[in-house]
Amino acid sequence: VIMMAAATPGDNPRSAASAGEFIAILLQEAGNAAVRWLASGGVYLAGGVSPKVLAYLRKPGALAPFFANRHLAPMLRDTPLQVVINDETAVLGAISGGRELF
């Protein structure tokens, strides 16, 4: 989170490069997960970092690492990629899990 906050445009180039590399790895792993689990219904990026990287994801070409698997790129092009921006997702999940226990 600190890295993302420090990596605003015009700031430290190392922070921006680190944030870009982190996002590329995140997207590549999301693409790998989509292939591994045949996630034709979509891949959802959730958690504390996901909403903070939304500005990066909107940049032209930013999603290229998601489609990095050249053999399965056609499948990935048809796989929706969503970013969950609800800050309370973890709490809602815990509540839902707790209800199942009782």
C-alpha atoms as a PDB file:
ATOM      1  CA  VAL A   1       0.000   0.000   0.000  1.00  0.00           C
ATOM      2  CA  ILE A   2       2.840   2.381   0.864  1.00  0.00           C
ATOM      3  CA  MET A   3       4.525   1.557  -2.443  1.00  0.00           C
ATOM      4  CA  MET A   4       1.319   2.364  -4.343  1.00  0.00           C
ATOM      5  CA  ALA A   5       0.838   5.642  -2.492  1.00  0.00           C
ATOM      6  CA  ALA A   6       4.450   6.625  -3.158  1.00  0.00           C
ATOM      7  CA  ALA A   7       4.258   5.767  -6.839  1.00  0.00           C
ATOM      8  CA  THR A   8       2.129   8.663  -8.028  1.00  0.00           C
ATOM      9  CA  PRO A   9       3.036  10.182 -11.401  1.00  0.00           C
ATOM     10  CA  GLY A  10       6.047  12.476 -11.236  1.00  0.00           C
ATOM     11  CA  ASP A  11       7.309  10.996  -7.994  1.00  0.00           C
ATOM     12  CA  ASN A  12      10.213   8.655  -7.410  1.00  0.00           C
ATOM     13  CA  PRO A  13      10.842   6.673 -10.620  1.00  0.00           C
ATOM     14  CA  ARG A  14      11.961   3.622  -8.636  1.00  0.00           C
ATOM     15  CA  SER A  15       8.680   3.520  -6.738  1.00  0.00           C
ATOM     16  CA  ALA A  16       6.727   3.858  -9.968  1.00  0.00           C
ATOM     17  CA  ALA A  17       8.788   1.074 -11.586  1.00  0.00           C
ATOM     18  CA  SER A  18       8.306  -1.184  -8.546  1.00  0.00           C
ATOM     19  CA  ALA A  19       4.567  -0.568  -8.553  1.00  0.00           C
ATOM     20  CA  GLY A  20       4.403  -1.280 -12.281  1.00  0.00           C
ATOM     21  CA  GLU A  21       6.303  -4.549 -11.835  1.00  0.00           C
ATOM     22  CA  PHE A  22       4.051  -5.572  -8.939  1.00  0.00           C
ATOM     23  CA  ILE A  23       0.936  -4.922 -11.019  1.00  0.00           C
ATOM     24  CA  ALA A  24       2.381  -6.834 -13.986  1.00  0.00           C
ATOM     25  CA  ILE A  25       3.037  -9.856 -11.759  1.00  0.00           C
ATOM     26  CA  LEU A  26      -0.438  -9.582 -10.212  1.00  0.00           C
ATOM     27  CA  LEU A  27      -2.056  -9.549 -13.661  1.00  0.00           C
ATOM     28  CA  GLN A  28       0.082 -12.374 -14.995  1.00  0.00           C
ATOM     29  CA  GLU A  29      -0.865 -14.546 -12.026  1.00  0.00           C
ATOM     30  CA  ALA A  30      -4.529 -13.605 -12.500  1.00  0.00           C
ATOM     31  CA  GLY A  31      -4.242 -14.782 -16.111  1.00  0.00           C
ATOM     32  CA  ASN A  32      -2.563 -17.999 -14.971  1.00  0.00           C
ATOM     33  CA  ALA A  33      -5.369 -18.578 -12.467  1.00  0.00           C
ATOM     34  CA  ALA A  34      -7.993 -17.990 -15.167  1.00  0.00           C
ATOM     35  CA  VAL A  35      -6.357 -20.659 -17.326  1.00  0.00           C
ATOM     36  CA  ARG A  36      -5.755 -23.074 -14.440  1.00  0.00           C
ATOM     37  CA  TRP A  37      -9.350 -22.952 -13.225  1.00  0.00           C
ATOM     38  CA  LEU A  38     -11.033 -22.273 -16.587  1.00  0.00           C
ATOM     39  CA  ALA A  39     -12.532 -19.114 -15.127  1.00  0.00           C
ATOM     40  CA  SER A  40     -14.765 -18.307 -18.087  1.00  0.00           C
ATOM     41  CA  GLY A  41     -17.119 -16.444 -15.744  1.00  0.00           C
ATOM     42  CA  GLY A  42     -14.396 -13.953 -14.887  1.00  0.00           C
ATOM     43  CA  VAL A  43     -11.507 -13.139 -12.605  1.00  0.00           C
ATOM     44  CA  TYR A  44     -12.042 -10.751  -9.714  1.00  0.00           C
ATOM     45  CA  LEU A  45      -9.147  -8.830  -8.205  1.00  0.00           C
ATOM     46  CA  ALA A  46     -10.073  -8.093  -4.609  1.00  0.00           C
ATOM     47  CA  GLY A  47      -8.310  -6.988  -1.487  1.00  0.00           C
ATOM     48  CA  GLY A  48      -6.680  -3.872  -0.135  1.00  0.00           C
ATOM     49  CA  VAL A  49      -4.329  -3.269  -3.061  1.00  0.00           C
ATOM     50  CA  SER A  50      -6.775  -3.811  -5.929  1.00  0.00           C
ATOM     51  CA  PRO A  51      -8.658  -0.494  -5.716  1.00  0.00           C
ATOM     52  CA  LYS A  52      -5.368   1.353  -5.291  1.00  0.00           C
ATOM     53  CA  VAL A  53      -4.004   0.054  -8.601  1.00  0.00           C
ATOM     54  CA  LEU A  54      -7.116   0.922 -10.596  1.00  0.00           C
ATOM     55  CA  ALA A  55      -5.475   4.015 -12.114  1.00  0.00           C
ATOM     56  CA  TYR A  56      -2.616   1.848 -13.391  1.00  0.00           C
ATOM     57  CA  LEU A  57      -5.003  -0.741 -14.820  1.00  0.00           C
ATOM     58  CA  ARG A  58      -6.714   1.954 -16.893  1.00  0.00           C
ATOM     59  CA  LYS A  59      -3.479   2.854 -18.704  1.00  0.00           C
ATOM     60  CA  PRO A  60      -3.186   1.699 -22.336  1.00  0.00           C
ATOM     61  CA  GLY A  61      -1.504  -1.681 -22.520  1.00  0.00           C
ATOM     62  CA  ALA A  62      -1.588  -2.219 -18.753  1.00  0.00           C
ATOM     63  CA  LEU A  63      -3.586  -5.431 -19.054  1.00  0.00           C
ATOM     64  CA  ALA A  64      -1.068  -7.082 -21.406  1.00  0.00           C
ATOM     65  CA  PRO A  65       0.395  -9.316 -18.635  1.00  0.00           C
ATOM     66  CA  PHE A  66      -3.076 -10.805 -18.080  1.00  0.00           C
ATOM     67  CA  PHE A  67      -2.965 -12.057 -21.687  1.00  0.00           C
ATOM     68  CA  ALA A  68       0.700 -13.157 -21.533  1.00  0.00           C
ATOM     69  CA  ASN A  69      -0.073 -16.832 -22.167  1.00  0.00           C
ATOM     70  CA  ARG A  70       0.105 -16.605 -25.959  1.00  0.00           C
ATOM     71  CA  HIS A  71      -1.304 -20.096 -26.514  1.00  0.00           C
ATOM     72  CA  LEU A  72      -4.432 -19.381 -24.495  1.00  0.00           C
ATOM     73  CA  ALA A  73      -4.786 -15.658 -25.218  1.00  0.00           C
ATOM     74  CA  PRO A  74      -8.055 -16.199 -27.153  1.00  0.00           C
ATOM     75  CA  MET A  75      -9.617 -17.776 -24.058  1.00  0.00           C
ATOM     76  CA  LEU A  76      -8.292 -14.985 -21.862  1.00  0.00           C
ATOM     77  CA  ARG A  77      -9.667 -12.302 -24.183  1.00  0.00           C
ATOM     78  CA  ASP A  78     -13.129 -13.721 -23.489  1.00  0.00           C
ATOM     79  CA  THR A  79     -12.560 -13.834 -19.718  1.00  0.00           C
ATOM     80  CA  PRO A  80     -13.883 -10.766 -17.877  1.00  0.00           C
ATOM     81  CA  LEU A  81     -11.424  -9.129 -15.479  1.00  0.00           C
ATOM     82  CA  GLN A  82     -13.059  -7.175 -12.659  1.00  0.00           C
ATOM     83  CA  VAL A  83     -11.684  -5.122  -9.768  1.00  0.00           C
ATOM     84  CA  VAL A  84     -13.650  -5.254  -6.522  1.00  0.00           C
ATOM     85  CA  ILE A  85     -13.605  -1.782  -4.988  1.00  0.00           C
ATOM     86  CA  ASN A  86     -15.788  -2.411  -1.943  1.00  0.00           C
ATOM     87  CA  ASP A  87     -13.597  -1.776   1.115  1.00  0.00           C
ATOM     88  CA  GLU A  88     -15.786  -4.021   3.249  1.00  0.00           C
ATOM     89  CA  THR A  89     -15.459  -7.200   1.171  1.00  0.00           C
ATOM     90  CA  ALA A  90     -13.425  -9.030   3.829  1.00  0.00           C
ATOM     91  CA  VAL A  91     -15.903  -8.090   6.560  1.00  0.00           C
ATOM     92  CA  LEU A  92     -18.848  -9.191   4.427  1.00  0.00           C
ATOM     93  CA  GLY A  93     -17.124 -12.509   3.744  1.00  0.00           C
ATOM     94  CA  ALA A  94     -16.463 -13.043   7.444  1.00  0.00           C
ATOM     95  CA  ILE A  95     -20.085 -12.285   8.285  1.00  0.00           C
ATOM     96  CA  SER A  96     -21.294 -14.701   5.616  1.00  0.00           C
ATOM     97  CA  GLY A  97     -18.946 -17.421   6.879  1.00  0.00           C
ATOM     98  CA  GLY A  98     -20.008 -16.796  10.463  1.00  0.00           C
ATOM     99  CA  ARG A  99     -23.675 -17.182   9.561  1.00  0.00           C
ATOM    100  CA  GLU A 100     -22.950 -20.621   8.125  1.00  0.00           C
ATOM    101  CA  LEU A 101     -21.492 -21.731  11.454  1.00  0.00           C
ATOM    102  CA  PHE A 102     -24.617 -20.957  13.471  1.00  0.00           C
END
